[in-house]
């Protein structure tokens, strides 16, 4: 399951890179994962400095993967 999740994000990132930059070497790594019954949830990122992270959900009933891509704009501390 882990290798499939990494492969999905790798292919997604490759398909969204700027082709004028040529071949860019990057890695994909798992930040967090969880399994509940037959379903899996992954949070993944890459070694690229683009601020992107990816949420993958595997629906074990339907044998389908769902991919959400996010860009981090800010990390802000809010005190009480």
N, C-alpha and C. Protein backbone atom coordinates (compact mmCIF):
# COMPACT_ATOMS: atom_id res chain seq x y z
N UNK A 1 0.83 -1.19 0.00
CA UNK A 1 0.00 0.00 0.00
C UNK A 1 0.88 1.26 0.00
N UNK A 2 1.95 1.26 0.81
CA UNK A 2 2.83 2.43 0.88
C UNK A 2 3.47 2.73 -0.48
N UNK A 3 3.97 1.71 -1.15
CA UNK A 3 4.61 1.93 -2.46
C UNK A 3 3.63 2.46 -3.48
N UNK A 4 2.39 2.00 -3.44
CA UNK A 4 1.36 2.48 -4.37
C UNK A 4 1.06 3.95 -4.11
N UNK A 5 0.95 4.34 -2.85
CA UNK A 5 0.69 5.74 -2.50
C UNK A 5 1.81 6.64 -3.00
N UNK A 6 3.05 6.23 -2.79
CA UNK A 6 4.20 7.02 -3.25
C UNK A 6 4.22 7.10 -4.77
N UNK A 7 3.90 6.00 -5.44
CA UNK A 7 3.88 6.00 -6.91
C UNK A 7 2.80 6.93 -7.46
N UNK A 8 1.64 6.98 -6.82
CA UNK A 8 0.56 7.87 -7.28
C UNK A 8 1.00 9.32 -7.19
N UNK A 9 1.59 9.70 -6.06
CA UNK A 9 2.03 11.09 -5.89
C UNK A 9 3.19 11.40 -6.82
N UNK A 10 4.11 10.47 -7.00
CA UNK A 10 5.24 10.68 -7.91
C UNK A 10 4.74 10.98 -9.32
N UNK A 11 3.81 10.19 -9.81
CA UNK A 11 3.27 10.41 -11.16
C UNK A 11 2.51 11.72 -11.25
N UNK A 12 1.77 12.07 -10.21
CA UNK A 12 1.03 13.34 -10.20
C UNK A 12 2.00 14.52 -10.28
N UNK A 13 3.04 14.49 -9.46
CA UNK A 13 4.02 15.58 -9.44
C UNK A 13 4.72 15.68 -10.79
N UNK A 14 5.16 14.56 -11.34
CA UNK A 14 5.84 14.58 -12.64
C UNK A 14 4.95 15.19 -13.72
N UNK A 15 3.66 14.92 -13.66
CA UNK A 15 2.75 15.44 -14.68
C UNK A 15 2.45 16.92 -14.51
N UNK A 16 2.83 17.50 -13.36
CA UNK A 16 2.58 18.91 -13.11
C UNK A 16 3.84 19.77 -13.05
N UNK A 17 5.01 19.17 -13.27
CA UNK A 17 6.25 19.95 -13.30
C UNK A 17 6.34 20.74 -14.60
N UNK A 18 7.04 21.84 -14.56
CA UNK A 18 7.27 22.66 -15.75
C UNK A 18 8.26 21.93 -16.65
N UNK A 19 7.83 21.54 -17.84
CA UNK A 19 8.69 20.76 -18.74
C UNK A 19 9.91 21.54 -19.20
N UNK A 20 9.85 22.87 -19.14
CA UNK A 20 11.01 23.66 -19.57
C UNK A 20 12.15 23.59 -18.56
N UNK A 21 11.87 23.08 -17.36
CA UNK A 21 12.93 22.91 -16.35
C UNK A 21 13.74 21.65 -16.57
N UNK A 22 13.34 20.81 -17.51
CA UNK A 22 14.05 19.57 -17.77
C UNK A 22 13.69 18.50 -16.76
N UNK A 23 14.57 17.51 -16.63
CA UNK A 23 14.34 16.40 -15.70
C UNK A 23 14.73 16.83 -14.29
N UNK A 24 13.77 16.88 -13.39
CA UNK A 24 14.01 17.30 -12.01
C UNK A 24 13.96 16.07 -11.11
N UNK A 25 15.02 15.89 -10.31
CA UNK A 25 15.09 14.76 -9.40
C UNK A 25 14.44 15.16 -8.07
N UNK A 26 13.53 14.33 -7.58
CA UNK A 26 12.86 14.60 -6.31
C UNK A 26 12.44 13.27 -5.68
N UNK A 27 12.20 13.33 -4.39
CA UNK A 27 11.71 12.16 -3.68
C UNK A 27 10.34 12.44 -3.08
N UNK A 28 9.59 11.38 -2.84
CA UNK A 28 8.28 11.48 -2.18
C UNK A 28 8.38 10.70 -0.88
N UNK A 29 7.85 11.28 0.19
CA UNK A 29 7.91 10.59 1.48
C UNK A 29 6.57 10.71 2.21
N UNK A 30 6.31 9.76 3.07
CA UNK A 30 5.08 9.73 3.85
C UNK A 30 5.28 10.52 5.13
N UNK A 31 4.41 11.49 5.36
CA UNK A 31 4.43 12.29 6.58
C UNK A 31 3.61 11.60 7.67
N UNK A 32 2.47 11.03 7.27
CA UNK A 32 1.56 10.40 8.22
C UNK A 32 0.67 9.43 7.47
N UNK A 33 0.26 8.36 8.13
CA UNK A 33 -0.71 7.44 7.53
C UNK A 33 -1.53 6.79 8.63
N UNK A 34 -2.72 6.35 8.25
CA UNK A 34 -3.63 5.72 9.20
C UNK A 34 -4.51 4.72 8.46
N UNK A 35 -4.81 3.61 9.10
CA UNK A 35 -5.71 2.61 8.52
C UNK A 35 -6.92 2.48 9.43
N UNK A 36 -8.11 2.57 8.86
CA UNK A 36 -9.36 2.37 9.59
C UNK A 36 -10.19 1.37 8.80
N UNK A 37 -10.38 0.20 9.38
CA UNK A 37 -11.07 -0.90 8.70
C UNK A 37 -10.37 -1.21 7.39
N UNK A 38 -11.04 -1.09 6.25
CA UNK A 38 -10.42 -1.40 4.96
C UNK A 38 -9.90 -0.15 4.25
N UNK A 39 -9.92 1.00 4.92
CA UNK A 39 -9.54 2.27 4.30
C UNK A 39 -8.19 2.76 4.82
N UNK A 40 -7.48 3.48 3.96
CA UNK A 40 -6.18 4.07 4.30
C UNK A 40 -6.22 5.56 4.03
N UNK A 41 -5.51 6.33 4.86
CA UNK A 41 -5.35 7.77 4.65
C UNK A 41 -3.86 8.07 4.75
N UNK A 42 -3.34 8.80 3.76
CA UNK A 42 -1.92 9.17 3.72
C UNK A 42 -1.79 10.68 3.58
N UNK A 43 -0.81 11.26 4.25
CA UNK A 43 -0.34 12.61 3.97
C UNK A 43 1.09 12.46 3.49
N UNK A 44 1.38 12.99 2.30
CA UNK A 44 2.70 12.84 1.69
C UNK A 44 3.22 14.20 1.25
N UNK A 45 4.52 14.29 1.08
CA UNK A 45 5.16 15.49 0.56
C UNK A 45 6.34 15.06 -0.30
N UNK A 46 7.02 16.05 -0.88
CA UNK A 46 8.18 15.78 -1.73
C UNK A 46 9.37 16.58 -1.23
N UNK A 47 10.51 16.30 -1.81
CA UNK A 47 11.73 17.05 -1.48
C UNK A 47 11.83 18.33 -2.29
N UNK A 48 10.85 18.62 -3.12
CA UNK A 48 10.83 19.88 -3.87
C UNK A 48 10.49 21.02 -2.92
N UNK A 49 10.99 22.21 -3.21
CA UNK A 49 10.72 23.38 -2.37
C UNK A 49 9.53 24.15 -2.94
N UNK A 50 8.40 23.46 -3.09
CA UNK A 50 7.23 24.11 -3.69
C UNK A 50 6.08 24.31 -2.71
N UNK A 51 6.24 23.87 -1.47
CA UNK A 51 5.20 24.06 -0.47
C UNK A 51 3.97 23.18 -0.65
N UNK A 52 4.07 22.16 -1.48
CA UNK A 52 2.92 21.30 -1.75
C UNK A 52 2.91 20.11 -0.79
N UNK A 53 1.70 19.67 -0.45
CA UNK A 53 1.55 18.38 0.22
C UNK A 53 0.31 17.70 -0.34
N UNK A 54 0.23 16.41 -0.15
CA UNK A 54 -0.77 15.59 -0.83
C UNK A 54 -1.48 14.69 0.17
N UNK A 55 -2.78 14.62 0.03
CA UNK A 55 -3.60 13.75 0.85
C UNK A 55 -4.17 12.66 -0.05
N UNK A 56 -3.91 11.43 0.30
CA UNK A 56 -4.40 10.28 -0.47
C UNK A 56 -5.31 9.45 0.43
N UNK A 57 -6.44 9.07 -0.11
CA UNK A 57 -7.37 8.20 0.60
C UNK A 57 -7.62 6.98 -0.25
N UNK A 58 -7.52 5.80 0.35
CA UNK A 58 -7.84 4.56 -0.35
C UNK A 58 -9.15 4.03 0.19
N UNK A 59 -10.13 3.87 -0.69
CA UNK A 59 -11.43 3.32 -0.33
C UNK A 59 -11.37 1.82 -0.60
N UNK A 60 -11.26 1.04 0.46
CA UNK A 60 -11.13 -0.40 0.32
C UNK A 60 -12.37 -1.09 -0.21
N UNK A 61 -13.54 -0.49 -0.01
CA UNK A 61 -14.78 -1.08 -0.54
C UNK A 61 -14.83 -0.99 -2.06
N UNK A 62 -14.41 0.17 -2.58
CA UNK A 62 -14.48 0.41 -4.03
C UNK A 62 -13.15 0.17 -4.74
N UNK A 63 -12.09 -0.06 -3.97
CA UNK A 63 -10.74 -0.23 -4.53
C UNK A 63 -10.38 0.98 -5.38
N UNK A 64 -10.58 2.18 -4.79
CA UNK A 64 -10.30 3.45 -5.47
C UNK A 64 -9.40 4.31 -4.60
N UNK A 65 -8.58 5.12 -5.26
CA UNK A 65 -7.73 6.10 -4.59
C UNK A 65 -8.28 7.50 -4.90
N UNK A 66 -8.23 8.39 -3.91
CA UNK A 66 -8.63 9.78 -4.08
C UNK A 66 -7.43 10.66 -3.70
N UNK A 67 -7.08 11.59 -4.57
CA UNK A 67 -5.92 12.45 -4.36
C UNK A 67 -6.36 13.90 -4.22
N UNK A 68 -5.90 14.55 -3.17
CA UNK A 68 -6.06 15.99 -2.99
C UNK A 68 -4.67 16.60 -2.91
N UNK A 69 -4.46 17.69 -3.63
CA UNK A 69 -3.17 18.39 -3.61
C UNK A 69 -3.37 19.76 -2.98
N UNK A 70 -2.50 20.10 -2.03
CA UNK A 70 -2.62 21.35 -1.29
C UNK A 70 -1.31 22.13 -1.35
N UNK A 71 -1.43 23.44 -1.27
CA UNK A 71 -0.26 24.31 -1.18
C UNK A 71 -0.32 25.03 0.16
N UNK A 72 0.76 24.94 0.91
CA UNK A 72 0.82 25.62 2.21
C UNK A 72 1.18 27.08 1.97
N UNK A 73 0.32 27.97 2.44
CA UNK A 73 0.57 29.39 2.28
C UNK A 73 1.17 30.01 3.54
N UNK A 74 0.79 29.49 4.69
CA UNK A 74 1.25 30.11 5.91
C UNK A 74 1.13 29.13 7.08
N UNK A 75 2.03 29.26 8.02
CA UNK A 75 1.96 28.54 9.29
C UNK A 75 2.03 29.61 10.36
N UNK A 76 0.93 29.83 11.04
CA UNK A 76 0.82 30.95 11.96
C UNK A 76 0.43 30.45 13.34
N UNK A 77 1.09 30.97 14.37
CA UNK A 77 0.76 30.64 15.75
C UNK A 77 -0.28 31.63 16.25
N UNK A 78 -1.32 31.11 16.87
CA UNK A 78 -2.37 31.95 17.45
C UNK A 78 -2.44 31.60 18.93
N UNK A 79 -2.08 32.54 19.76
CA UNK A 79 -2.07 32.30 21.21
C UNK A 79 -3.42 32.68 21.81
N UNK A 80 -3.73 32.05 22.92
CA UNK A 80 -5.00 32.35 23.61
C UNK A 80 -4.77 33.30 24.74
